[in-house]
């Protein structure tokens, strides 16, 4: 049985994993700002 396409807005989910040992503290704020362009907090 074929399903009908969902016409409601679909949200894509993804995770961002940061290796804290390798991420300089100086770039973390800019990193989160860039990530925020692609999604929203839930």
PDB file of N, CA and C in Angstrom:
ATOM      1  N   UNK A   1       0.837  -1.177   0.000  1.00  0.00           N
ATOM      2  CA  UNK A   1       0.000   0.000   0.000  1.00  0.00           C
ATOM      3  C   UNK A   1       0.887   1.246   0.000  1.00  0.00           C
ATOM      4  N   UNK A   2       0.682   2.132  -0.951  1.00  0.00           N
ATOM      5  CA  UNK A   2       1.478   3.357  -1.047  1.00  0.00           C
ATOM      6  C   UNK A   2       0.982   4.373  -0.030  1.00  0.00           C
ATOM      7  N   UNK A   3       1.905   5.063   0.576  1.00  0.00           N
ATOM      8  CA  UNK A   3       1.508   6.094   1.536  1.00  0.00           C
ATOM      9  C   UNK A   3       1.411   7.436   0.827  1.00  0.00           C
ATOM     10  N   UNK A   4       0.560   8.298   1.348  1.00  0.00           N
ATOM     11  CA  UNK A   4       0.395   9.638   0.787  1.00  0.00           C
ATOM     12  C   UNK A   4       1.527  10.522   1.282  1.00  0.00           C
ATOM     13  N   UNK A   5       2.024  11.414   0.431  1.00  0.00           N
ATOM     14  CA  UNK A   5       3.077  12.322   0.893  1.00  0.00           C
ATOM     15  C   UNK A   5       2.528  13.261   1.957  1.00  0.00           C
ATOM     16  N   UNK A   6       3.345  13.561   2.926  1.00  0.00           N
ATOM     17  CA  UNK A   6       2.958  14.479   3.991  1.00  0.00           C
ATOM     18  C   UNK A   6       3.105  15.907   3.469  1.00  0.00           C
ATOM     19  N   UNK A   7       2.002  16.640   3.409  1.00  0.00           N
ATOM     20  CA  UNK A   7       2.050  18.003   2.876  1.00  0.00           C
ATOM     21  C   UNK A   7       2.447  19.029   3.937  1.00  0.00           C
ATOM     22  N   UNK A   8       2.462  18.627   5.201  1.00  0.00           N
ATOM     23  CA  UNK A   8       2.883  19.539   6.259  1.00  0.00           C
ATOM     24  C   UNK A   8       4.389  19.758   6.160  1.00  0.00           C
ATOM     25  N   UNK A   9       4.848  20.881   6.685  1.00  0.00           N
ATOM     26  CA  UNK A   9       6.279  21.173   6.671  1.00  0.00           C
ATOM     27  C   UNK A   9       7.022  20.108   7.479  1.00  0.00           C
ATOM     28  N   UNK A  10       8.012  19.524   6.868  1.00  0.00           N
ATOM     29  CA  UNK A  10       8.780  18.488   7.528  1.00  0.00           C
ATOM     30  C   UNK A  10      10.073  19.074   8.082  1.00  0.00           C
ATOM     31  N   UNK A  11      10.450  18.608   9.243  1.00  0.00           N
ATOM     32  CA  UNK A  11      11.684  19.060   9.869  1.00  0.00           C
ATOM     33  C   UNK A  11      12.714  17.954   9.772  1.00  0.00           C
ATOM     34  N   UNK A  12      13.917  18.320   9.415  1.00  0.00           N
ATOM     35  CA  UNK A  12      15.015  17.371   9.408  1.00  0.00           C
ATOM     36  C   UNK A  12      15.780  17.538  10.704  1.00  0.00           C
ATOM     37  N   UNK A  13      16.213  16.453  11.251  1.00  0.00           N
ATOM     38  CA  UNK A  13      16.955  16.480  12.500  1.00  0.00           C
ATOM     39  C   UNK A  13      18.383  16.018  12.250  1.00  0.00           C
ATOM     40  N   UNK A  14      19.307  16.664  12.914  1.00  0.00           N
ATOM     41  CA  UNK A  14      20.683  16.221  12.844  1.00  0.00           C
ATOM     42  C   UNK A  14      21.365  16.571  14.158  1.00  0.00           C
ATOM     43  N   UNK A  15      22.438  15.923  14.407  1.00  0.00           N
ATOM     44  CA  UNK A  15      23.203  16.157  15.632  1.00  0.00           C
ATOM     45  C   UNK A  15      24.582  16.683  15.255  1.00  0.00           C
ATOM     46  N   UNK A  16      25.111  17.512  16.108  1.00  0.00           N
ATOM     47  CA  UNK A  16      26.463  18.022  15.927  1.00  0.00           C
ATOM     48  C   UNK A  16      27.267  17.562  17.135  1.00  0.00           C
ATOM     49  N   UNK A  17      28.272  16.783  16.865  1.00  0.00           N
ATOM     50  CA  UNK A  17      29.137  16.280  17.931  1.00  0.00           C
ATOM     51  C   UNK A  17      30.460  17.025  17.868  1.00  0.00           C
ATOM     52  N   UNK A  18      30.882  17.548  18.995  1.00  0.00           N
ATOM     53  CA  UNK A  18      32.116  18.325  19.043  1.00  0.00           C
ATOM     54  C   UNK A  18      33.086  17.626  19.984  1.00  0.00           C
ATOM     55  N   UNK A  19      34.261  17.322  19.479  1.00  0.00           N
ATOM     56  CA  UNK A  19      35.321  16.762  20.299  1.00  0.00           C
ATOM     57  C   UNK A  19      35.943  17.937  21.054  1.00  0.00           C
ATOM     58  N   UNK A  20      35.582  18.080  22.302  1.00  0.00           N
ATOM     59  CA  UNK A  20      36.010  19.240  23.084  1.00  0.00           C
ATOM     60  C   UNK A  20      37.531  19.332  23.217  1.00  0.00           C
ATOM     61  N   UNK A  21      38.212  18.219  23.085  1.00  0.00           N
ATOM     62  CA  UNK A  21      39.677  18.260  23.168  1.00  0.00           C
ATOM     63  C   UNK A  21      40.284  18.989  21.980  1.00  0.00           C
ATOM     64  N   UNK A  22      39.554  19.027  20.862  1.00  0.00           N
ATOM     65  CA  UNK A  22      40.111  19.602  19.639  1.00  0.00           C
ATOM     66  C   UNK A  22      39.445  20.901  19.204  1.00  0.00           C
ATOM     67  N   UNK A  23      38.441  21.363  19.913  1.00  0.00           N
ATOM     68  CA  UNK A  23      37.742  22.599  19.543  1.00  0.00           C
ATOM     69  C   UNK A  23      38.242  23.737  20.423  1.00  0.00           C
ATOM     70  N   UNK A  24      38.977  24.676  19.846  1.00  0.00           N
ATOM     71  CA  UNK A  24      39.452  25.813  20.641  1.00  0.00           C
ATOM     72  C   UNK A  24      38.277  26.629  21.181  1.00  0.00           C
ATOM     73  N   UNK A  25      38.357  27.027  22.422  1.00  0.00           N
ATOM     74  CA  UNK A  25      37.284  27.793  23.053  1.00  0.00           C
ATOM     75  C   UNK A  25      36.976  29.075  22.276  1.00  0.00           C
ATOM     76  N   UNK A  26      37.963  29.636  21.608  1.00  0.00           N
ATOM     77  CA  UNK A  26      37.781  30.891  20.883  1.00  0.00           C
ATOM     78  C   UNK A  26      36.815  30.764  19.701  1.00  0.00           C
ATOM     79  N   UNK A  27      36.603  29.556  19.179  1.00  0.00           N
ATOM     80  CA  UNK A  27      35.723  29.414  18.010  1.00  0.00           C
ATOM     81  C   UNK A  27      34.350  28.842  18.341  1.00  0.00           C
ATOM     82  N   UNK A  28      34.138  28.432  19.580  1.00  0.00           N
ATOM     83  CA  UNK A  28      32.895  27.750  19.932  1.00  0.00           C
ATOM     84  C   UNK A  28      31.666  28.629  19.674  1.00  0.00           C
ATOM     85  N   UNK A  29      31.703  29.884  20.066  1.00  0.00           N
ATOM     86  CA  UNK A  29      30.541  30.769  19.868  1.00  0.00           C
ATOM     87  C   UNK A  29      30.203  30.889  18.376  1.00  0.00           C
ATOM     88  N   UNK A  30      31.204  31.119  17.543  1.00  0.00           N
ATOM     89  CA  UNK A  30      30.979  31.218  16.101  1.00  0.00           C
ATOM     90  C   UNK A  30      30.495  29.905  15.519  1.00  0.00           C
ATOM     91  N   UNK A  31      30.972  28.812  16.054  1.00  0.00           N
ATOM     92  CA  UNK A  31      30.545  27.495  15.604  1.00  0.00           C
ATOM     93  C   UNK A  31      29.054  27.297  15.849  1.00  0.00           C
ATOM     94  N   UNK A  32      28.593  27.642  17.049  1.00  0.00           N
ATOM     95  CA  UNK A  32      27.167  27.505  17.355  1.00  0.00           C
ATOM     96  C   UNK A  32      26.307  28.461  16.526  1.00  0.00           C
ATOM     97  N   UNK A  33      26.821  29.635  16.244  1.00  0.00           N
ATOM     98  CA  UNK A  33      26.082  30.566  15.389  1.00  0.00           C
ATOM     99  C   UNK A  33      25.903  29.984  13.991  1.00  0.00           C
ATOM    100  N   UNK A  34      26.933  29.369  13.469  1.00  0.00           N
ATOM    101  CA  UNK A  34      26.857  28.742  12.144  1.00  0.00           C
ATOM    102  C   UNK A  34      25.878  27.570  12.160  1.00  0.00           C
ATOM    103  N   UNK A  35      25.931  26.751  13.177  1.00  0.00           N
ATOM    104  CA  UNK A  35      25.017  25.620  13.298  1.00  0.00           C
ATOM    105  C   UNK A  35      23.575  26.109  13.376  1.00  0.00           C
ATOM    106  N   UNK A  36      23.335  27.204  14.082  1.00  0.00           N
ATOM    107  CA  UNK A  36      21.978  27.728  14.263  1.00  0.00           C
ATOM    108  C   UNK A  36      21.349  28.158  12.938  1.00  0.00           C
ATOM    109  N   UNK A  37      22.149  28.430  11.924  1.00  0.00           N
ATOM    110  CA  UNK A  37      21.597  28.824  10.619  1.00  0.00           C
ATOM    111  C   UNK A  37      20.833  27.679   9.965  1.00  0.00           C
ATOM    112  N   UNK A  38      21.117  26.439  10.376  1.00  0.00           N
ATOM    113  CA  UNK A  38      20.544  25.269   9.726  1.00  0.00           C
ATOM    114  C   UNK A  38      19.438  24.605  10.522  1.00  0.00           C
ATOM    115  N   UNK A  39      19.113  25.131  11.660  1.00  0.00           N
ATOM    116  CA  UNK A  39      18.071  24.485  12.462  1.00  0.00           C
ATOM    117  C   UNK A  39      17.626  25.368  13.598  1.00  0.00           C
ATOM    118  N   UNK A  40      16.892  24.743  14.479  1.00  0.00           N
ATOM    119  CA  UNK A  40      16.380  25.460  15.632  1.00  0.00           C
ATOM    120  C   UNK A  40      16.494  24.564  16.846  1.00  0.00           C
ATOM    121  N   UNK A  41      16.548  25.188  18.014  1.00  0.00           N
ATOM    122  CA  UNK A  41      16.621  24.410  19.249  1.00  0.00           C
ATOM    123  C   UNK A  41      15.266  23.774  19.513  1.00  0.00           C
ATOM    124  N   UNK A  42      15.307  22.615  20.095  1.00  0.00           N
ATOM    125  CA  UNK A  42      14.034  21.971  20.455  1.00  0.00           C
ATOM    126  C   UNK A  42      13.978  21.729  21.943  1.00  0.00           C
TER     127      UNK A  42
END
